[in-house]
Amino acid sequence: MSAVVADLKDARVPECLQWTREQVGNWIEDLGFPYYRDCFESNLVNGRKLIHIDASTLPRIGITDFKHIKLITETIRGMLGIEQPDWSRSISLPPRENLGMYLERKSKTGEHANGLTYRKFLLTNEEIKWQPPLANHCLILPHD
């Protein structure tokens, strides 16, 4: 089974991940911003690239109205199922959720990214799970 089909069958993977540039353009029009369609299409934004669209990227592709930036980024986070950045989040928590890390890997092009499924990502990435550093690592000294 191809990675695209496997991801489409996995309810945890957002459907918009498979969107073409044209479908992203249709989405931005449906959101009420037909004049931004060219901003997305000329920058080759497809469903796999949406993970990289945030408040700092939108001005670089030509979207500068702050209210529009807020609405577009909130909608993208909602479609992708990723949480809003919480700047007061504890440093003892993992920096990202599995889905966010998967979407970042999937946003790349190439044989590895094209063949990657969410299920395969979860099975093969056990070793990269984040562990908080020891708070007393400097206090552990060898005894004589």
N, C-alpha and C. Protein backbone atom coordinates (compact mmCIF):
# COMPACT_ATOMS: atom_id res chain seq x y z
N MET A 1 0.85 -1.18 0.00
CA MET A 1 0.00 0.00 0.00
C MET A 1 0.90 1.24 0.00
N SER A 2 0.56 2.21 -0.84
CA SER A 2 1.38 3.42 -0.91
C SER A 2 1.21 4.27 0.35
N ALA A 3 2.21 5.12 0.58
CA ALA A 3 2.19 5.98 1.77
C ALA A 3 0.99 6.92 1.74
N VAL A 4 0.62 7.41 0.56
CA VAL A 4 -0.51 8.34 0.44
C VAL A 4 -1.80 7.63 0.87
N VAL A 5 -1.99 6.41 0.37
CA VAL A 5 -3.20 5.66 0.71
C VAL A 5 -3.22 5.33 2.20
N ALA A 6 -2.06 4.91 2.73
CA ALA A 6 -1.97 4.58 4.16
C ALA A 6 -2.30 5.80 5.02
N ASP A 7 -1.78 6.96 4.64
CA ASP A 7 -2.06 8.18 5.41
C ASP A 7 -3.52 8.60 5.27
N LEU A 8 -4.11 8.41 4.10
CA LEU A 8 -5.52 8.76 3.92
C LEU A 8 -6.42 7.87 4.77
N LYS A 9 -6.00 6.63 5.00
CA LYS A 9 -6.79 5.71 5.82
C LYS A 9 -6.58 5.94 7.32
N ASP A 10 -5.50 6.62 7.68
CA ASP A 10 -5.19 6.88 9.09
C ASP A 10 -5.90 8.15 9.54
N ALA A 11 -6.86 8.01 10.44
CA ALA A 11 -7.66 9.15 10.90
C ALA A 11 -6.83 10.19 11.64
N ARG A 12 -5.64 9.82 12.12
CA ARG A 12 -4.80 10.77 12.86
C ARG A 12 -4.09 11.76 11.93
N VAL A 13 -3.99 11.42 10.66
CA VAL A 13 -3.28 12.26 9.69
C VAL A 13 -4.28 13.20 9.03
N PRO A 14 -4.01 14.51 9.07
CA PRO A 14 -4.94 15.46 8.46
C PRO A 14 -5.05 15.26 6.95
N GLU A 15 -6.26 15.33 6.44
CA GLU A 15 -6.52 15.13 5.02
C GLU A 15 -5.83 16.19 4.16
N CYS A 16 -5.70 17.39 4.70
CA CYS A 16 -5.10 18.48 3.92
C CYS A 16 -3.63 18.24 3.61
N LEU A 17 -3.00 17.27 4.24
CA LEU A 17 -1.61 16.94 3.95
C LEU A 17 -1.43 16.55 2.49
N GLN A 18 -2.46 16.00 1.87
CA GLN A 18 -2.37 15.53 0.49
C GLN A 18 -2.83 16.57 -0.54
N TRP A 19 -3.15 17.78 -0.10
CA TRP A 19 -3.63 18.80 -1.02
C TRP A 19 -2.56 19.20 -2.03
N THR A 20 -3.02 19.52 -3.23
CA THR A 20 -2.16 20.10 -4.26
C THR A 20 -2.09 21.61 -4.05
N ARG A 21 -1.24 22.28 -4.83
CA ARG A 21 -1.18 23.75 -4.75
C ARG A 21 -2.52 24.36 -5.12
N GLU A 22 -3.19 23.78 -6.10
CA GLU A 22 -4.50 24.30 -6.51
C GLU A 22 -5.52 24.15 -5.38
N GLN A 23 -5.50 23.02 -4.68
CA GLN A 23 -6.44 22.82 -3.57
C GLN A 23 -6.15 23.80 -2.43
N VAL A 24 -4.88 24.09 -2.19
CA VAL A 24 -4.53 25.10 -1.17
C VAL A 24 -5.07 26.46 -1.61
N GLY A 25 -4.94 26.77 -2.90
CA GLY A 25 -5.49 28.02 -3.44
C GLY A 25 -7.00 28.08 -3.28
N ASN A 26 -7.67 26.96 -3.53
CA ASN A 26 -9.14 26.92 -3.34
C ASN A 26 -9.49 27.13 -1.87
N TRP A 27 -8.71 26.53 -0.98
CA TRP A 27 -8.96 26.67 0.47
C TRP A 27 -8.82 28.12 0.90
N ILE A 28 -7.77 28.81 0.46
CA ILE A 28 -7.57 30.21 0.89
C ILE A 28 -8.69 31.09 0.32
N GLU A 29 -9.19 30.76 -0.87
CA GLU A 29 -10.34 31.50 -1.42
C GLU A 29 -11.59 31.23 -0.58
N ASP A 30 -11.82 29.96 -0.24
CA ASP A 30 -12.98 29.60 0.57
C ASP A 30 -12.93 30.23 1.96
N LEU A 31 -11.71 30.47 2.44
CA LEU A 31 -11.54 31.11 3.74
C LEU A 31 -11.92 32.59 3.68
N GLY A 32 -12.05 33.12 2.46
CA GLY A 32 -12.45 34.52 2.30
C GLY A 32 -11.35 35.42 1.81
N PHE A 33 -10.25 34.83 1.32
CA PHE A 33 -9.11 35.62 0.86
C PHE A 33 -8.71 35.25 -0.55
N PRO A 34 -9.56 35.48 -1.55
CA PRO A 34 -9.21 35.11 -2.92
C PRO A 34 -7.98 35.87 -3.44
N TYR A 35 -7.72 37.06 -2.90
CA TYR A 35 -6.59 37.86 -3.33
C TYR A 35 -5.26 37.31 -2.81
N TYR A 36 -5.28 36.34 -1.92
CA TYR A 36 -4.04 35.71 -1.43
C TYR A 36 -3.73 34.40 -2.16
N ARG A 37 -4.61 34.01 -3.05
CA ARG A 37 -4.39 32.74 -3.77
C ARG A 37 -3.03 32.74 -4.46
N ASP A 38 -2.71 33.81 -5.14
CA ASP A 38 -1.44 33.88 -5.87
C ASP A 38 -0.25 33.84 -4.91
N CYS A 39 -0.40 34.39 -3.72
CA CYS A 39 0.69 34.35 -2.73
C CYS A 39 1.06 32.90 -2.41
N PHE A 40 0.08 32.06 -2.24
CA PHE A 40 0.32 30.65 -1.93
C PHE A 40 0.80 29.88 -3.15
N GLU A 41 0.14 30.09 -4.30
CA GLU A 41 0.49 29.33 -5.49
C GLU A 41 1.86 29.71 -6.03
N SER A 42 2.20 30.99 -6.04
CA SER A 42 3.51 31.39 -6.57
C SER A 42 4.66 30.94 -5.66
N ASN A 43 4.35 30.66 -4.40
CA ASN A 43 5.36 30.15 -3.47
C ASN A 43 5.30 28.63 -3.33
N LEU A 44 4.54 27.98 -4.23
CA LEU A 44 4.47 26.52 -4.34
C LEU A 44 4.04 25.85 -3.04
N VAL A 45 3.08 26.45 -2.35
CA VAL A 45 2.59 25.89 -1.08
C VAL A 45 1.54 24.84 -1.39
N ASN A 46 1.86 23.59 -1.04
CA ASN A 46 0.89 22.50 -1.15
C ASN A 46 0.56 22.04 0.27
N GLY A 47 -0.21 20.97 0.39
CA GLY A 47 -0.62 20.50 1.72
C GLY A 47 0.55 20.11 2.61
N ARG A 48 1.60 19.56 2.01
CA ARG A 48 2.76 19.14 2.80
C ARG A 48 3.57 20.33 3.31
N LYS A 49 3.42 21.47 2.67
CA LYS A 49 4.17 22.67 3.08
C LYS A 49 3.41 23.53 4.08
N LEU A 50 2.14 23.24 4.32
CA LEU A 50 1.35 24.06 5.25
C LEU A 50 1.93 24.09 6.66
N ILE A 51 2.64 23.03 7.08
CA ILE A 51 3.22 23.00 8.42
C ILE A 51 4.20 24.16 8.62
N HIS A 52 4.78 24.65 7.55
CA HIS A 52 5.77 25.73 7.64
C HIS A 52 5.15 27.13 7.57
N ILE A 53 3.85 27.20 7.34
CA ILE A 53 3.19 28.50 7.23
C ILE A 53 2.77 28.95 8.62
N ASP A 54 3.40 30.01 9.10
CA ASP A 54 3.04 30.58 10.40
C ASP A 54 3.08 32.10 10.30
N ALA A 55 2.94 32.76 11.41
CA ALA A 55 2.85 34.23 11.40
C ALA A 55 4.13 34.89 10.89
N SER A 56 5.25 34.21 10.96
CA SER A 56 6.49 34.81 10.45
C SER A 56 6.70 34.54 8.96
N THR A 57 6.06 33.51 8.42
CA THR A 57 6.22 33.21 6.99
C THR A 57 5.25 33.99 6.12
N LEU A 58 4.07 34.25 6.61
CA LEU A 58 3.06 34.90 5.78
C LEU A 58 3.50 36.27 5.25
N PRO A 59 4.13 37.13 6.04
CA PRO A 59 4.59 38.40 5.46
C PRO A 59 5.62 38.21 4.34
N ARG A 60 6.42 37.15 4.42
CA ARG A 60 7.43 36.90 3.38
C ARG A 60 6.81 36.45 2.07
N ILE A 61 5.58 35.92 2.12
CA ILE A 61 4.93 35.53 0.87
C ILE A 61 3.91 36.57 0.42
N GLY A 62 3.83 37.69 1.14
CA GLY A 62 3.00 38.80 0.69
C GLY A 62 1.74 39.07 1.49
N ILE A 63 1.57 38.41 2.62
CA ILE A 63 0.37 38.63 3.45
C ILE A 63 0.80 39.39 4.70
N THR A 64 0.36 40.65 4.82
CA THR A 64 0.86 41.50 5.90
C THR A 64 -0.21 42.00 6.85
N ASP A 65 -1.47 41.80 6.55
CA ASP A 65 -2.53 42.25 7.45
C ASP A 65 -2.57 41.34 8.67
N PHE A 66 -2.39 41.92 9.85
CA PHE A 66 -2.25 41.13 11.08
C PHE A 66 -3.49 40.28 11.38
N LYS A 67 -4.67 40.84 11.18
CA LYS A 67 -5.89 40.07 11.43
C LYS A 67 -5.99 38.88 10.48
N HIS A 68 -5.59 39.07 9.23
CA HIS A 68 -5.61 37.98 8.26
C HIS A 68 -4.58 36.92 8.64
N ILE A 69 -3.40 37.35 9.09
CA ILE A 69 -2.34 36.43 9.51
C ILE A 69 -2.84 35.56 10.66
N LYS A 70 -3.48 36.20 11.65
CA LYS A 70 -4.01 35.44 12.80
C LYS A 70 -5.02 34.40 12.36
N LEU A 71 -5.95 34.80 11.51
CA LEU A 71 -7.00 33.88 11.07
C LEU A 71 -6.43 32.73 10.24
N ILE A 72 -5.54 33.04 9.32
CA ILE A 72 -4.96 32.00 8.46
C ILE A 72 -4.14 31.01 9.28
N THR A 73 -3.30 31.50 10.19
CA THR A 73 -2.47 30.59 10.98
C THR A 73 -3.31 29.75 11.94
N GLU A 74 -4.34 30.34 12.54
CA GLU A 74 -5.22 29.56 13.42
C GLU A 74 -5.94 28.46 12.63
N THR A 75 -6.36 28.78 11.43
CA THR A 75 -7.06 27.80 10.60
C THR A 75 -6.12 26.68 10.18
N ILE A 76 -4.90 27.02 9.82
CA ILE A 76 -3.91 26.00 9.44
C ILE A 76 -3.63 25.07 10.61
N ARG A 77 -3.40 25.64 11.79
CA ARG A 77 -3.16 24.80 12.98
C ARG A 77 -4.34 23.89 13.25
N GLY A 78 -5.54 24.41 13.09
CA GLY A 78 -6.74 23.60 13.31
C GLY A 78 -6.85 22.47 12.29
N MET A 79 -6.59 22.76 11.02
CA MET A 79 -6.66 21.73 9.99
C MET A 79 -5.61 20.64 10.21
N LEU A 80 -4.42 21.05 10.62
CA LEU A 80 -3.34 20.09 10.82
C LEU A 80 -3.43 19.38 12.17
N GLY A 81 -4.24 19.91 13.06
CA GLY A 81 -4.38 19.28 14.36
C GLY A 81 -3.18 19.49 15.26
N ILE A 82 -2.50 20.61 15.09
CA ILE A 82 -1.35 20.91 15.94
C ILE A 82 -1.71 22.02 16.90
N GLU A 83 -1.09 22.00 18.05
CA GLU A 83 -1.45 22.95 19.09
C GLU A 83 -0.85 24.32 18.82
N GLN A 84 -1.50 25.31 19.37
CA GLN A 84 -1.01 26.68 19.28
C GLN A 84 0.23 26.79 20.15
N PRO A 85 1.25 27.52 19.69
CA PRO A 85 2.44 27.67 20.53
C PRO A 85 2.08 28.28 21.88
N ASP A 86 2.52 27.66 22.94
CA ASP A 86 2.27 28.14 24.29
C ASP A 86 3.61 28.60 24.86
N TRP A 87 3.80 29.90 24.87
CA TRP A 87 5.10 30.43 25.27
C TRP A 87 5.35 30.29 26.76
N SER A 88 4.33 29.94 27.54
CA SER A 88 4.54 29.74 28.97
C SER A 88 4.62 28.24 29.31
N ARG A 89 4.77 27.41 28.31
CA ARG A 89 4.83 25.96 28.49
C ARG A 89 6.07 25.56 29.28
N SER A 90 5.92 24.58 30.14
CA SER A 90 7.03 24.10 30.97
C SER A 90 8.13 23.49 30.12
N ILE A 91 9.37 23.75 30.46
CA ILE A 91 10.48 23.17 29.72
C ILE A 91 10.65 21.69 30.01
N SER A 92 9.94 21.18 31.00
CA SER A 92 10.03 19.75 31.29
C SER A 92 9.17 18.91 30.35
N LEU A 93 8.31 19.56 29.57
CA LEU A 93 7.46 18.85 28.63
C LEU A 93 8.20 18.66 27.31
N PRO A 94 7.84 17.62 26.55
CA PRO A 94 8.46 17.44 25.23
C PRO A 94 8.23 18.68 24.37
N PRO A 95 9.19 19.05 23.55
CA PRO A 95 9.05 20.27 22.77
C PRO A 95 7.95 20.22 21.72
N ARG A 96 7.64 19.03 21.18
CA ARG A 96 6.61 18.94 20.15
C ARG A 96 5.86 17.62 20.28
N GLU A 97 4.69 17.60 19.70
CA GLU A 97 3.90 16.37 19.66
C GLU A 97 4.36 15.54 18.46
N ASN A 98 4.05 14.25 18.51
CA ASN A 98 4.43 13.35 17.42
C ASN A 98 3.89 13.81 16.07
N LEU A 99 2.62 14.25 16.03
CA LEU A 99 2.02 14.66 14.77
C LEU A 99 2.78 15.84 14.16
N GLY A 100 3.14 16.81 14.97
CA GLY A 100 3.90 17.95 14.47
C GLY A 100 5.25 17.54 13.91
N MET A 101 5.94 16.64 14.60
CA MET A 101 7.23 16.17 14.10
C MET A 101 7.07 15.38 12.80
N TYR A 102 6.00 14.58 12.72
CA TYR A 102 5.73 13.83 11.49
C TYR A 102 5.46 14.79 10.33
N LEU A 103 4.63 15.79 10.55
CA LEU A 103 4.29 16.73 9.48
C LEU A 103 5.53 17.48 9.00
N GLU A 104 6.45 17.79 9.92
CA GLU A 104 7.69 18.45 9.50
C GLU A 104 8.52 17.53 8.61
N ARG A 105 8.62 16.26 8.98
CA ARG A 105 9.36 15.30 8.15
C ARG A 105 8.68 15.10 6.80
N LYS A 106 7.37 15.03 6.82
CA LYS A 106 6.61 14.78 5.59
C LYS A 106 6.64 15.98 4.66
N SER A 107 6.93 17.17 5.17
CA SER A 107 6.94 18.37 4.35
C SER A 107 8.09 18.41 3.35
N LYS A 108 9.08 17.59 3.57
CA LYS A 108 10.21 17.53 2.66
C LYS A 108 9.84 16.71 1.42
N THR A 109 10.67 16.80 0.41
CA THR A 109 10.44 16.00 -0.79
C THR A 109 11.52 14.94 -0.88
N GLY A 110 11.26 13.94 -1.66
CA GLY A 110 12.24 12.87 -1.85
C GLY A 110 11.65 11.52 -1.52
N GLU A 111 12.41 10.48 -1.83
CA GLU A 111 11.94 9.11 -1.67
C GLU A 111 11.58 8.78 -0.23
N HIS A 112 12.43 9.20 0.72
CA HIS A 112 12.16 8.88 2.13
C HIS A 112 10.87 9.55 2.61
N ALA A 113 10.73 10.83 2.35
CA ALA A 113 9.52 11.55 2.79
C ALA A 113 8.28 11.03 2.08
N ASN A 114 8.40 10.71 0.80
CA ASN A 114 7.25 10.21 0.05
C ASN A 114 6.78 8.85 0.57
N GLY A 115 7.71 8.03 1.04
CA GLY A 115 7.36 6.70 1.52
C GLY A 115 7.00 6.65 2.99
N LEU A 116 7.15 7.75 3.69
CA LEU A 116 6.90 7.79 5.13
C LEU A 116 5.40 7.86 5.42
N THR A 117 4.93 7.01 6.32
CA THR A 117 3.55 7.08 6.80
C THR A 117 3.60 7.43 8.29
N TYR A 118 2.49 7.87 8.82
CA TYR A 118 2.45 8.23 10.24
C TYR A 118 2.72 7.00 11.10
N ARG A 119 2.16 5.88 10.71
CA ARG A 119 2.36 4.64 11.47
C ARG A 119 3.84 4.26 11.48
N LYS A 120 4.49 4.33 10.30
CA LYS A 120 5.91 4.01 10.20
C LYS A 120 6.75 4.99 11.02
N PHE A 121 6.34 6.26 10.99
CA PHE A 121 7.05 7.28 11.76
C PHE A 121 7.01 6.94 13.25
N LEU A 122 5.83 6.58 13.75
CA LEU A 122 5.70 6.25 15.17
C LEU A 122 6.49 5.01 15.55
N LEU A 123 6.56 4.04 14.66
CA LEU A 123 7.29 2.80 14.95
C LEU A 123 8.80 2.97 14.90
N THR A 124 9.28 3.83 14.02
CA THR A 124 10.73 3.95 13.83
C THR A 124 11.38 5.07 14.63
N ASN A 125 10.61 5.89 15.28
CA ASN A 125 11.19 7.03 15.97
C ASN A 125 11.13 6.93 17.49
N GLU A 126 11.10 5.73 18.00
CA GLU A 126 11.10 5.55 19.45
C GLU A 126 12.38 6.11 20.07
N GLU A 127 13.51 5.95 19.37
CA GLU A 127 14.78 6.35 19.95
C GLU A 127 14.96 7.87 20.05
N ILE A 128 14.15 8.64 19.35
CA ILE A 128 14.33 10.09 19.40
C ILE A 128 13.39 10.75 20.40
N LYS A 129 12.71 9.95 21.19
CA LYS A 129 11.82 10.54 22.20
C LYS A 129 12.63 11.46 23.10
N TRP A 130 12.08 12.59 23.37
CA TRP A 130 12.76 13.59 24.17
C TRP A 130 12.76 13.19 25.64
N GLN A 131 13.88 13.34 26.27
CA GLN A 131 14.01 13.09 27.70
C GLN A 131 14.54 14.37 28.35
N PRO A 132 13.92 14.83 29.42
CA PRO A 132 14.43 16.04 30.06
C PRO A 132 15.80 15.75 30.65
N PRO A 133 16.70 16.73 30.62
CA PRO A 133 18.02 16.52 31.21
C PRO A 133 17.92 16.41 32.73
N LEU A 134 18.88 15.72 33.29
CA LEU A 134 18.93 15.63 34.74
C LEU A 134 19.20 17.01 35.32
N ALA A 135 18.45 17.37 36.33
CA ALA A 135 18.63 18.68 36.95
C ALA A 135 19.90 18.73 37.80
N ASN A 136 20.35 17.56 38.25
CA ASN A 136 21.50 17.55 39.14
C ASN A 136 22.74 16.93 38.48
N HIS A 137 22.85 17.02 37.17
CA HIS A 137 23.93 16.36 36.47
C HIS A 137 25.31 16.87 36.90
N CYS A 138 25.39 18.08 37.37
CA CYS A 138 26.68 18.61 37.82
C CYS A 138 27.01 18.17 39.24
N LEU A 139 26.03 17.69 39.96
CA LEU A 139 26.24 17.31 41.33
C LEU A 139 26.64 15.85 41.51
N ILE A 140 26.54 15.08 40.45
CA ILE A 140 26.87 13.66 40.54
C ILE A 140 28.38 13.52 40.31
N LEU A 141 29.09 13.26 41.36
CA LEU A 141 30.54 13.14 41.29
C LEU A 141 30.94 11.73 41.71
N PRO A 142 32.02 11.23 41.15
CA PRO A 142 32.48 9.89 41.57
C PRO A 142 33.00 9.94 42.98
N HIS A 143 32.79 8.86 43.72
CA HIS A 143 33.27 8.75 45.09
C HIS A 143 34.59 8.02 45.11
N ASP A 144 35.48 8.38 46.02
CA ASP A 144 36.76 7.68 46.16
C ASP A 144 36.63 6.47 47.06
